[in-house]
Amino acid sequence: MTDKHSIAIIGNRDTILGFKALGVHTFDANTPEEATDLLLKLKSEGGSHAIIFITEDLSEGITKENWKKLSGTALPAIIPVPDSKGSKGSGIRRIGKMVEQAVGSDIFNE
């Protein structure tokens, strides 16, 4: 593992283009399969990315088996975000599940 961690985003070109100017590593993917392959590759590179954002439309197509492979360690944190068309709500639901696992309580629903 490296001492310096970076941030990455996976999504369609229109969504990720602006993040490059912020120093975020951008990875173009148009299907959940492409995104899964990229996530598995980035995870296997030994932790150079602490956070990987992925657009909701792509994250929704990742199989439960692949999520298990990707969620086995603390890093990278894989965070679904809305794409350029707007939020579908799946990203906040996934973050809610992650927080519930971490703290043992659903703090988003009252």
C-alpha atoms as a PDB file:
ATOM      1  CA  MET A   1       0.000   0.000   0.000  1.00  0.00           C
ATOM      2  CA  THR A   2       1.260   3.452  -0.817  1.00  0.00           C
ATOM      3  CA  ASP A   3       1.501   6.351   1.615  1.00  0.00           C
ATOM      4  CA  LYS A   4      -0.409   8.601  -0.754  1.00  0.00           C
ATOM      5  CA  HIS A   5      -3.958   7.745  -1.725  1.00  0.00           C
ATOM      6  CA  SER A   6      -5.856   9.294  -4.569  1.00  0.00           C
ATOM      7  CA  ILE A   7      -9.472   9.621  -5.631  1.00  0.00           C
ATOM      8  CA  ALA A   8     -10.996   8.137  -8.763  1.00  0.00           C
ATOM      9  CA  ILE A   9     -14.338   8.294 -10.528  1.00  0.00           C
ATOM     10  CA  ILE A  10     -15.868   5.803 -12.937  1.00  0.00           C
ATOM     11  CA  GLY A  11     -18.690   6.871 -15.231  1.00  0.00           C
ATOM     12  CA  ASN A  12     -19.626   8.003 -18.685  1.00  0.00           C
ATOM     13  CA  ARG A  13     -17.480  10.611 -20.360  1.00  0.00           C
ATOM     14  CA  ASP A  14     -19.985  13.454 -19.921  1.00  0.00           C
ATOM     15  CA  THR A  15     -20.165  12.910 -16.173  1.00  0.00           C
ATOM     16  CA  ILE A  16     -16.486  12.397 -15.379  1.00  0.00           C
ATOM     17  CA  LEU A  17     -14.862  14.990 -17.634  1.00  0.00           C
ATOM     18  CA  GLY A  18     -15.023  17.882 -15.156  1.00  0.00           C
ATOM     19  CA  PHE A  19     -13.459  15.839 -12.359  1.00  0.00           C
ATOM     20  CA  LYS A  20     -10.154  15.574 -14.226  1.00  0.00           C
ATOM     21  CA  ALA A  21      -9.519  19.291 -13.653  1.00  0.00           C
ATOM     22  CA  LEU A  22      -9.811  18.648  -9.900  1.00  0.00           C
ATOM     23  CA  GLY A  23      -7.040  16.051  -9.953  1.00  0.00           C
ATOM     24  CA  VAL A  24      -9.393  13.079  -9.735  1.00  0.00           C
ATOM     25  CA  HIS A  25      -8.359  10.034 -11.761  1.00  0.00           C
ATOM     26  CA  THR A  26     -11.120   9.476 -14.319  1.00  0.00           C
ATOM     27  CA  PHE A  27     -12.107   6.178 -15.879  1.00  0.00           C
ATOM     28  CA  ASP A  28     -14.625   6.035 -18.705  1.00  0.00           C
ATOM     29  CA  ALA A  29     -17.150   3.191 -18.548  1.00  0.00           C
ATOM     30  CA  ASN A  30     -20.462   2.847 -20.331  1.00  0.00           C
ATOM     31  CA  THR A  31     -21.741  -0.468 -18.946  1.00  0.00           C
ATOM     32  CA  PRO A  32     -21.851  -2.060 -15.502  1.00  0.00           C
ATOM     33  CA  GLU A  33     -19.550  -4.790 -16.833  1.00  0.00           C
ATOM     34  CA  GLU A  34     -16.898  -2.251 -17.876  1.00  0.00           C
ATOM     35  CA  ALA A  35     -17.240  -0.534 -14.507  1.00  0.00           C
ATOM     36  CA  THR A  36     -16.915  -3.827 -12.615  1.00  0.00           C
ATOM     37  CA  ASP A  37     -13.766  -4.729 -14.543  1.00  0.00           C
ATOM     38  CA  LEU A  38     -12.278  -1.303 -13.745  1.00  0.00           C
ATOM     39  CA  LEU A  39     -13.198  -1.542 -10.059  1.00  0.00           C
ATOM     40  CA  LEU A  40     -11.661  -4.998  -9.719  1.00  0.00           C
ATOM     41  CA  LYS A  41      -8.515  -3.806 -11.495  1.00  0.00           C
ATOM     42  CA  LEU A  42      -8.203  -0.682  -9.343  1.00  0.00           C
ATOM     43  CA  LYS A  43      -8.756  -2.698  -6.173  1.00  0.00           C
ATOM     44  CA  SER A  44      -6.078  -5.210  -7.187  1.00  0.00           C
ATOM     45  CA  GLU A  45      -3.506  -2.433  -7.716  1.00  0.00           C
ATOM     46  CA  GLY A  46      -2.768  -2.391  -4.016  1.00  0.00           C
ATOM     47  CA  GLY A  47      -4.690   0.510  -2.574  1.00  0.00           C
ATOM     48  CA  SER A  48      -3.527   3.514  -4.560  1.00  0.00           C
ATOM     49  CA  HIS A  49      -7.111   4.856  -4.482  1.00  0.00           C
ATOM     50  CA  ALA A  50      -8.737   5.534  -1.113  1.00  0.00           C
ATOM     51  CA  ILE A  51     -12.071   6.543  -2.645  1.00  0.00           C
ATOM     52  CA  ILE A  52     -13.615   5.494  -5.920  1.00  0.00           C
ATOM     53  CA  PHE A  53     -16.794   7.241  -6.961  1.00  0.00           C
ATOM     54  CA  ILE A  54     -18.991   5.416  -9.458  1.00  0.00           C
ATOM     55  CA  THR A  55     -22.116   6.737 -11.118  1.00  0.00           C
ATOM     56  CA  GLU A  56     -25.384   5.285  -9.858  1.00  0.00           C
ATOM     57  CA  ASP A  57     -26.424   3.954 -13.246  1.00  0.00           C
ATOM     58  CA  LEU A  58     -23.293   1.794 -13.404  1.00  0.00           C
ATOM     59  CA  SER A  59     -23.303   0.775  -9.737  1.00  0.00           C
ATOM     60  CA  GLU A  60     -26.883  -0.497  -9.993  1.00  0.00           C
ATOM     61  CA  GLY A  61     -25.767  -3.117 -12.527  1.00  0.00           C
ATOM     62  CA  ILE A  62     -22.972  -4.617 -10.410  1.00  0.00           C
ATOM     63  CA  THR A  63     -23.866  -8.106  -9.212  1.00  0.00           C
ATOM     64  CA  LYS A  64     -24.098  -8.993  -5.504  1.00  0.00           C
ATOM     65  CA  GLU A  65     -21.175 -11.385  -5.947  1.00  0.00           C
ATOM     66  CA  ASN A  66     -18.971  -8.620  -7.334  1.00  0.00           C
ATOM     67  CA  TRP A  67     -20.057  -6.194  -4.581  1.00  0.00           C
ATOM     68  CA  LYS A  68     -18.904  -8.810  -2.053  1.00  0.00           C
ATOM     69  CA  LYS A  69     -15.499  -8.998  -3.777  1.00  0.00           C
ATOM     70  CA  LEU A  70     -15.234  -5.224  -3.845  1.00  0.00           C
ATOM     71  CA  SER A  71     -16.401  -4.664  -0.271  1.00  0.00           C
ATOM     72  CA  GLY A  72     -14.045  -7.084   1.472  1.00  0.00           C
ATOM     73  CA  THR A  73     -11.642  -4.386   2.686  1.00  0.00           C
ATOM     74  CA  ALA A  74     -11.921  -0.854   4.045  1.00  0.00           C
ATOM     75  CA  LEU A  75     -10.123   0.668   1.058  1.00  0.00           C
ATOM     76  CA  PRO A  76     -11.061   1.673  -1.439  1.00  0.00           C
ATOM     77  CA  ALA A  77     -14.387   3.101  -0.343  1.00  0.00           C
ATOM     78  CA  ILE A  78     -16.677   2.769  -3.354  1.00  0.00           C
ATOM     79  CA  ILE A  79     -19.275   5.524  -3.328  1.00  0.00           C
ATOM     80  CA  PRO A  80     -22.178   5.743  -5.822  1.00  0.00           C
ATOM     81  CA  VAL A  81     -22.912   9.267  -7.048  1.00  0.00           C
ATOM     82  CA  PRO A  82     -25.500  10.713  -9.437  1.00  0.00           C
ATOM     83  CA  ASP A  83     -24.546  10.960 -13.087  1.00  0.00           C
ATOM     84  CA  SER A  84     -25.065  13.988 -15.322  1.00  0.00           C
ATOM     85  CA  LYS A  85     -28.782  13.120 -15.619  1.00  0.00           C
ATOM     86  CA  GLY A  86     -29.435  13.367 -11.872  1.00  0.00           C
ATOM     87  CA  SER A  87     -29.917  11.143  -8.849  1.00  0.00           C
ATOM     88  CA  LYS A  88     -31.865   7.904  -8.835  1.00  0.00           C
ATOM     89  CA  GLY A  89     -31.581   7.541  -5.059  1.00  0.00           C
ATOM     90  CA  SER A  90     -29.645   4.277  -5.145  1.00  0.00           C
ATOM     91  CA  GLY A  91     -26.419   5.981  -4.123  1.00  0.00           C
ATOM     92  CA  ILE A  92     -27.790   7.318  -0.851  1.00  0.00           C
ATOM     93  CA  ARG A  93     -29.410   3.933  -0.119  1.00  0.00           C
ATOM     94  CA  ARG A  94     -26.052   2.189  -0.611  1.00  0.00           C
ATOM     95  CA  ILE A  95     -24.264   4.729   1.588  1.00  0.00           C
ATOM     96  CA  GLY A  96     -26.975   4.222   4.213  1.00  0.00           C
ATOM     97  CA  LYS A  97     -26.314   0.470   4.196  1.00  0.00           C
ATOM     98  CA  MET A  98     -22.563   1.064   4.510  1.00  0.00           C
ATOM     99  CA  VAL A  99     -23.080   3.387   7.476  1.00  0.00           C
ATOM    100  CA  GLU A 100     -25.502   0.956   9.100  1.00  0.00           C
ATOM    101  CA  GLN A 101     -22.914  -1.826   8.832  1.00  0.00           C
ATOM    102  CA  ALA A 102     -20.226   0.432  10.276  1.00  0.00           C
ATOM    103  CA  VAL A 103     -22.146   1.868  13.233  1.00  0.00           C
ATOM    104  CA  GLY A 104     -24.810  -0.791  13.737  1.00  0.00           C
ATOM    105  CA  SER A 105     -27.751   1.551  13.281  1.00  0.00           C
ATOM    106  CA  ASP A 106     -29.657   3.127  10.403  1.00  0.00           C
ATOM    107  CA  ILE A 107     -28.958   6.795  11.107  1.00  0.00           C
ATOM    108  CA  PHE A 108     -30.546   8.046   7.873  1.00  0.00           C
ATOM    109  CA  ASN A 109     -34.044   6.763   8.632  1.00  0.00           C
ATOM    110  CA  GLU A 110     -35.635   8.068  11.770  1.00  0.00           C
END
